[in-house]
């Protein structure tokens, strides 16, 4: 069907295991790159969706 597990309000911790079902490896890698660029010390929401 081409849908996603979440949309406007983010993925949420309960849906975290399903992120790879709706996003490509490249999209997840981009999320991690952005997280690292904006939070190099990992202090904002540690251990949440993108580690």
PDB file of N, CA and C in Angstrom:
ATOM      1  N   UNK A   1       0.796  -1.190   0.000  1.00  0.00           N
ATOM      2  CA  UNK A   1       0.000   0.000   0.000  1.00  0.00           C
ATOM      3  C   UNK A   1       0.842   1.258   0.000  1.00  0.00           C
ATOM      4  N   UNK A   2       2.085   1.179   0.409  1.00  0.00           N
ATOM      5  CA  UNK A   2       2.963   2.342   0.361  1.00  0.00           C
ATOM      6  C   UNK A   2       2.815   3.321   1.504  1.00  0.00           C
ATOM      7  N   UNK A   3       2.166   2.934   2.576  1.00  0.00           N
ATOM      8  CA  UNK A   3       1.998   3.827   3.713  1.00  0.00           C
ATOM      9  C   UNK A   3       3.186   3.780   4.656  1.00  0.00           C
ATOM     10  N   UNK A   4       3.093   4.536   5.712  1.00  0.00           N
ATOM     11  CA  UNK A   4       4.132   4.512   6.733  1.00  0.00           C
ATOM     12  C   UNK A   4       3.474   4.250   8.084  1.00  0.00           C
ATOM     13  N   UNK A   5       4.287   3.888   9.065  1.00  0.00           N
ATOM     14  CA  UNK A   5       3.747   3.584  10.388  1.00  0.00           C
ATOM     15  C   UNK A   5       3.436   4.846  11.176  1.00  0.00           C
ATOM     16  N   UNK A   6       3.931   5.966  10.718  1.00  0.00           N
ATOM     17  CA  UNK A   6       3.677   7.232  11.386  1.00  0.00           C
ATOM     18  C   UNK A   6       3.932   8.361  10.397  1.00  0.00           C
ATOM     19  N   UNK A   7       3.409   9.528  10.698  1.00  0.00           N
ATOM     20  CA  UNK A   7       3.571  10.630   9.750  1.00  0.00           C
ATOM     21  C   UNK A   7       3.954  11.913  10.476  1.00  0.00           C
ATOM     22  N   UNK A   8       3.018  12.807  10.638  1.00  0.00           N
ATOM     23  CA  UNK A   8       3.299  14.161  11.104  1.00  0.00           C
ATOM     24  C   UNK A   8       3.915  14.245  12.496  1.00  0.00           C
ATOM     25  N   UNK A   9       3.604  13.313  13.356  1.00  0.00           N
ATOM     26  CA  UNK A   9       4.030  13.439  14.749  1.00  0.00           C
ATOM     27  C   UNK A   9       5.200  12.537  15.120  1.00  0.00           C
ATOM     28  N   UNK A  10       5.929  12.057  14.142  1.00  0.00           N
ATOM     29  CA  UNK A  10       7.090  11.235  14.428  1.00  0.00           C
ATOM     30  C   UNK A  10       6.742   9.770  14.597  1.00  0.00           C
ATOM     31  N   UNK A  11       7.762   8.964  14.791  1.00  0.00           N
ATOM     32  CA  UNK A  11       7.591   7.514  14.810  1.00  0.00           C
ATOM     33  C   UNK A  11       7.106   7.011  16.166  1.00  0.00           C
ATOM     34  N   UNK A  12       7.601   7.569  17.245  1.00  0.00           N
ATOM     35  CA  UNK A  12       7.211   7.101  18.578  1.00  0.00           C
ATOM     36  C   UNK A  12       7.985   5.856  18.975  1.00  0.00           C
ATOM     37  N   UNK A  13       8.238   5.717  20.252  1.00  0.00           N
ATOM     38  CA  UNK A  13       9.054   4.598  20.737  1.00  0.00           C
ATOM     39  C   UNK A  13       8.412   3.242  20.506  1.00  0.00           C
ATOM     40  N   UNK A  14       7.100   3.167  20.599  1.00  0.00           N
ATOM     41  CA  UNK A  14       6.438   1.876  20.404  1.00  0.00           C
ATOM     42  C   UNK A  14       6.529   1.399  18.962  1.00  0.00           C
ATOM     43  N   UNK A  15       6.669   2.331  18.033  1.00  0.00           N
ATOM     44  CA  UNK A  15       6.751   1.973  16.617  1.00  0.00           C
ATOM     45  C   UNK A  15       8.191   1.924  16.105  1.00  0.00           C
ATOM     46  N   UNK A  16       9.162   2.215  16.970  1.00  0.00           N
ATOM     47  CA  UNK A  16      10.565   2.240  16.561  1.00  0.00           C
ATOM     48  C   UNK A  16      11.003   0.960  15.841  1.00  0.00           C
ATOM     49  N   UNK A  17      10.604  -0.229  16.296  1.00  0.00           N
ATOM     50  CA  UNK A  17      11.035  -1.450  15.608  1.00  0.00           C
ATOM     51  C   UNK A  17      10.554  -1.540  14.153  1.00  0.00           C
ATOM     52  N   UNK A  18       9.553  -0.753  13.809  1.00  0.00           N
ATOM     53  CA  UNK A  18       8.983  -0.815  12.465  1.00  0.00           C
ATOM     54  C   UNK A  18       9.503   0.278  11.533  1.00  0.00           C
ATOM     55  N   UNK A  19      10.408   1.107  12.020  1.00  0.00           N
ATOM     56  CA  UNK A  19      10.927   2.212  11.215  1.00  0.00           C
ATOM     57  C   UNK A  19      11.528   1.722   9.903  1.00  0.00           C
ATOM     58  N   UNK A  20      12.271   0.639   9.949  1.00  0.00           N
ATOM     59  CA  UNK A  20      12.924   0.115   8.739  1.00  0.00           C
ATOM     60  C   UNK A  20      11.930  -0.422   7.715  1.00  0.00           C
ATOM     61  N   UNK A  21      10.692  -0.631   8.129  1.00  0.00           N
ATOM     62  CA  UNK A  21       9.672  -1.100   7.188  1.00  0.00           C
ATOM     63  C   UNK A  21       9.129   0.034   6.325  1.00  0.00           C
ATOM     64  N   UNK A  22       9.250   1.265   6.816  1.00  0.00           N
ATOM     65  CA  UNK A  22       8.682   2.383   6.072  1.00  0.00           C
ATOM     66  C   UNK A  22       9.722   3.379   5.577  1.00  0.00           C
ATOM     67  N   UNK A  23      10.966   3.207   5.979  1.00  0.00           N
ATOM     68  CA  UNK A  23      12.048   4.094   5.538  1.00  0.00           C
ATOM     69  C   UNK A  23      13.188   3.256   4.995  1.00  0.00           C
ATOM     70  N   UNK A  24      13.842   3.772   3.980  1.00  0.00           N
ATOM     71  CA  UNK A  24      14.964   3.051   3.374  1.00  0.00           C
ATOM     72  C   UNK A  24      16.206   3.187   4.255  1.00  0.00           C
ATOM     73  N   UNK A  25      17.208   2.362   3.964  1.00  0.00           N
ATOM     74  CA  UNK A  25      18.474   2.455   4.701  1.00  0.00           C
ATOM     75  C   UNK A  25      19.089   3.832   4.507  1.00  0.00           C
ATOM     76  N   UNK A  26      18.966   4.379   3.304  1.00  0.00           N
ATOM     77  CA  UNK A  26      19.515   5.709   3.019  1.00  0.00           C
ATOM     78  C   UNK A  26      18.808   6.786   3.844  1.00  0.00           C
ATOM     79  N   UNK A  27      17.498   6.675   3.987  1.00  0.00           N
ATOM     80  CA  UNK A  27      16.748   7.651   4.782  1.00  0.00           C
ATOM     81  C   UNK A  27      17.133   7.571   6.254  1.00  0.00           C
ATOM     82  N   UNK A  28      17.285   6.375   6.762  1.00  0.00           N
ATOM     83  CA  UNK A  28      17.677   6.204   8.166  1.00  0.00           C
ATOM     84  C   UNK A  28      19.101   6.704   8.379  1.00  0.00           C
ATOM     85  N   UNK A  29      19.980   6.447   7.420  1.00  0.00           N
ATOM     86  CA  UNK A  29      21.357   6.947   7.507  1.00  0.00           C
ATOM     87  C   UNK A  29      21.366   8.474   7.519  1.00  0.00           C
ATOM     88  N   UNK A  30      20.516   9.089   6.706  1.00  0.00           N
ATOM     89  CA  UNK A  30      20.418  10.550   6.689  1.00  0.00           C
ATOM     90  C   UNK A  30      19.933  11.073   8.035  1.00  0.00           C
ATOM     91  N   UNK A  31      18.956  10.408   8.627  1.00  0.00           N
ATOM     92  CA  UNK A  31      18.466  10.804   9.951  1.00  0.00           C
ATOM     93  C   UNK A  31      19.596  10.761  10.973  1.00  0.00           C
ATOM     94  N   UNK A  32      20.401   9.703  10.913  1.00  0.00           N
ATOM     95  CA  UNK A  32      21.522   9.567  11.852  1.00  0.00           C
ATOM     96  C   UNK A  32      22.571  10.646  11.618  1.00  0.00           C
ATOM     97  N   UNK A  33      22.827  10.972  10.343  1.00  0.00           N
ATOM     98  CA  UNK A  33      23.789  12.021  10.007  1.00  0.00           C
ATOM     99  C   UNK A  33      23.315  13.372  10.534  1.00  0.00           C
ATOM    100  N   UNK A  34      22.044  13.670  10.333  1.00  0.00           N
ATOM    101  CA  UNK A  34      21.487  14.930  10.836  1.00  0.00           C
ATOM    102  C   UNK A  34      21.526  14.986  12.356  1.00  0.00           C
ATOM    103  N   UNK A  35      21.185  13.890  13.005  1.00  0.00           N
ATOM    104  CA  UNK A  35      21.224  13.827  14.470  1.00  0.00           C
ATOM    105  C   UNK A  35      22.641  14.099  14.966  1.00  0.00           C
ATOM    106  N   UNK A  36      23.627  13.490  14.333  1.00  0.00           N
ATOM    107  CA  UNK A  36      25.022  13.680  14.729  1.00  0.00           C
ATOM    108  C   UNK A  36      25.462  15.130  14.506  1.00  0.00           C
ATOM    109  N   UNK A  37      25.028  15.724  13.403  1.00  0.00           N
ATOM    110  CA  UNK A  37      25.400  17.107  13.103  1.00  0.00           C
ATOM    111  C   UNK A  37      24.783  18.090  14.101  1.00  0.00           C
ATOM    112  N   UNK A  38      23.549  17.852  14.476  1.00  0.00           N
ATOM    113  CA  UNK A  38      22.842  18.764  15.370  1.00  0.00           C
ATOM    114  C   UNK A  38      23.081  18.482  16.847  1.00  0.00           C
ATOM    115  N   UNK A  39      23.502  17.269  17.156  1.00  0.00           N
ATOM    116  CA  UNK A  39      23.683  16.853  18.552  1.00  0.00           C
ATOM    117  C   UNK A  39      24.935  15.980  18.673  1.00  0.00           C
ATOM    118  N   UNK A  40      26.109  16.555  18.428  1.00  0.00           N
ATOM    119  CA  UNK A  40      27.337  15.748  18.402  1.00  0.00           C
ATOM    120  C   UNK A  40      27.668  15.045  19.719  1.00  0.00           C
ATOM    121  N   UNK A  41      27.184  15.580  20.830  1.00  0.00           N
ATOM    122  CA  UNK A  41      27.453  14.939  22.124  1.00  0.00           C
ATOM    123  C   UNK A  41      26.380  13.938  22.515  1.00  0.00           C
ATOM    124  N   UNK A  42      25.327  13.829  21.719  1.00  0.00           N
ATOM    125  CA  UNK A  42      24.284  12.844  21.985  1.00  0.00           C
ATOM    126  C   UNK A  42      23.491  13.083  23.255  1.00  0.00           C
ATOM    127  N   UNK A  43      23.292  14.354  23.601  1.00  0.00           N
ATOM    128  CA  UNK A  43      22.598  14.657  24.858  1.00  0.00           C
ATOM    129  C   UNK A  43      21.099  14.925  24.680  1.00  0.00           C
ATOM    130  N   UNK A  44      20.653  15.100  23.440  1.00  0.00           N
ATOM    131  CA  UNK A  44      19.238  15.364  23.186  1.00  0.00           C
ATOM    132  C   UNK A  44      18.515  14.054  22.910  1.00  0.00           C
ATOM    133  N   UNK A  45      17.615  13.684  23.772  1.00  0.00           N
ATOM    134  CA  UNK A  45      16.853  12.434  23.641  1.00  0.00           C
ATOM    135  C   UNK A  45      17.749  11.214  23.407  1.00  0.00           C
ATOM    136  N   UNK A  46      18.704  10.976  24.291  1.00  0.00           N
ATOM    137  CA  UNK A  46      19.601   9.829  24.094  1.00  0.00           C
ATOM    138  C   UNK A  46      18.853   8.500  24.093  1.00  0.00           C
ATOM    139  N   UNK A  47      19.240   7.624  23.182  1.00  0.00           N
ATOM    140  CA  UNK A  47      18.648   6.293  23.121  1.00  0.00           C
ATOM    141  C   UNK A  47      17.256   6.251  22.533  1.00  0.00           C
ATOM    142  N   UNK A  48      16.833   7.325  21.933  1.00  0.00           N
ATOM    143  CA  UNK A  48      15.483   7.359  21.362  1.00  0.00           C
ATOM    144  C   UNK A  48      15.500   6.779  19.955  1.00  0.00           C
ATOM    145  N   UNK A  49      14.812   7.378  19.037  1.00  0.00           N
ATOM    146  CA  UNK A  49      14.616   6.811  17.710  1.00  0.00           C
ATOM    147  C   UNK A  49      15.928   6.637  16.955  1.00  0.00           C
ATOM    148  N   UNK A  50      16.704   7.691  16.853  1.00  0.00           N
ATOM    149  CA  UNK A  50      17.964   7.623  16.105  1.00  0.00           C
ATOM    150  C   UNK A  50      19.109   7.731  17.097  1.00  0.00           C
ATOM    151  N   UNK A  51      19.875   6.688  17.223  1.00  0.00           N
ATOM    152  CA  UNK A  51      21.003   6.678  18.165  1.00  0.00           C
ATOM    153  C   UNK A  51      22.265   7.143  17.483  1.00  0.00           C
TER     154      UNK A  51
END
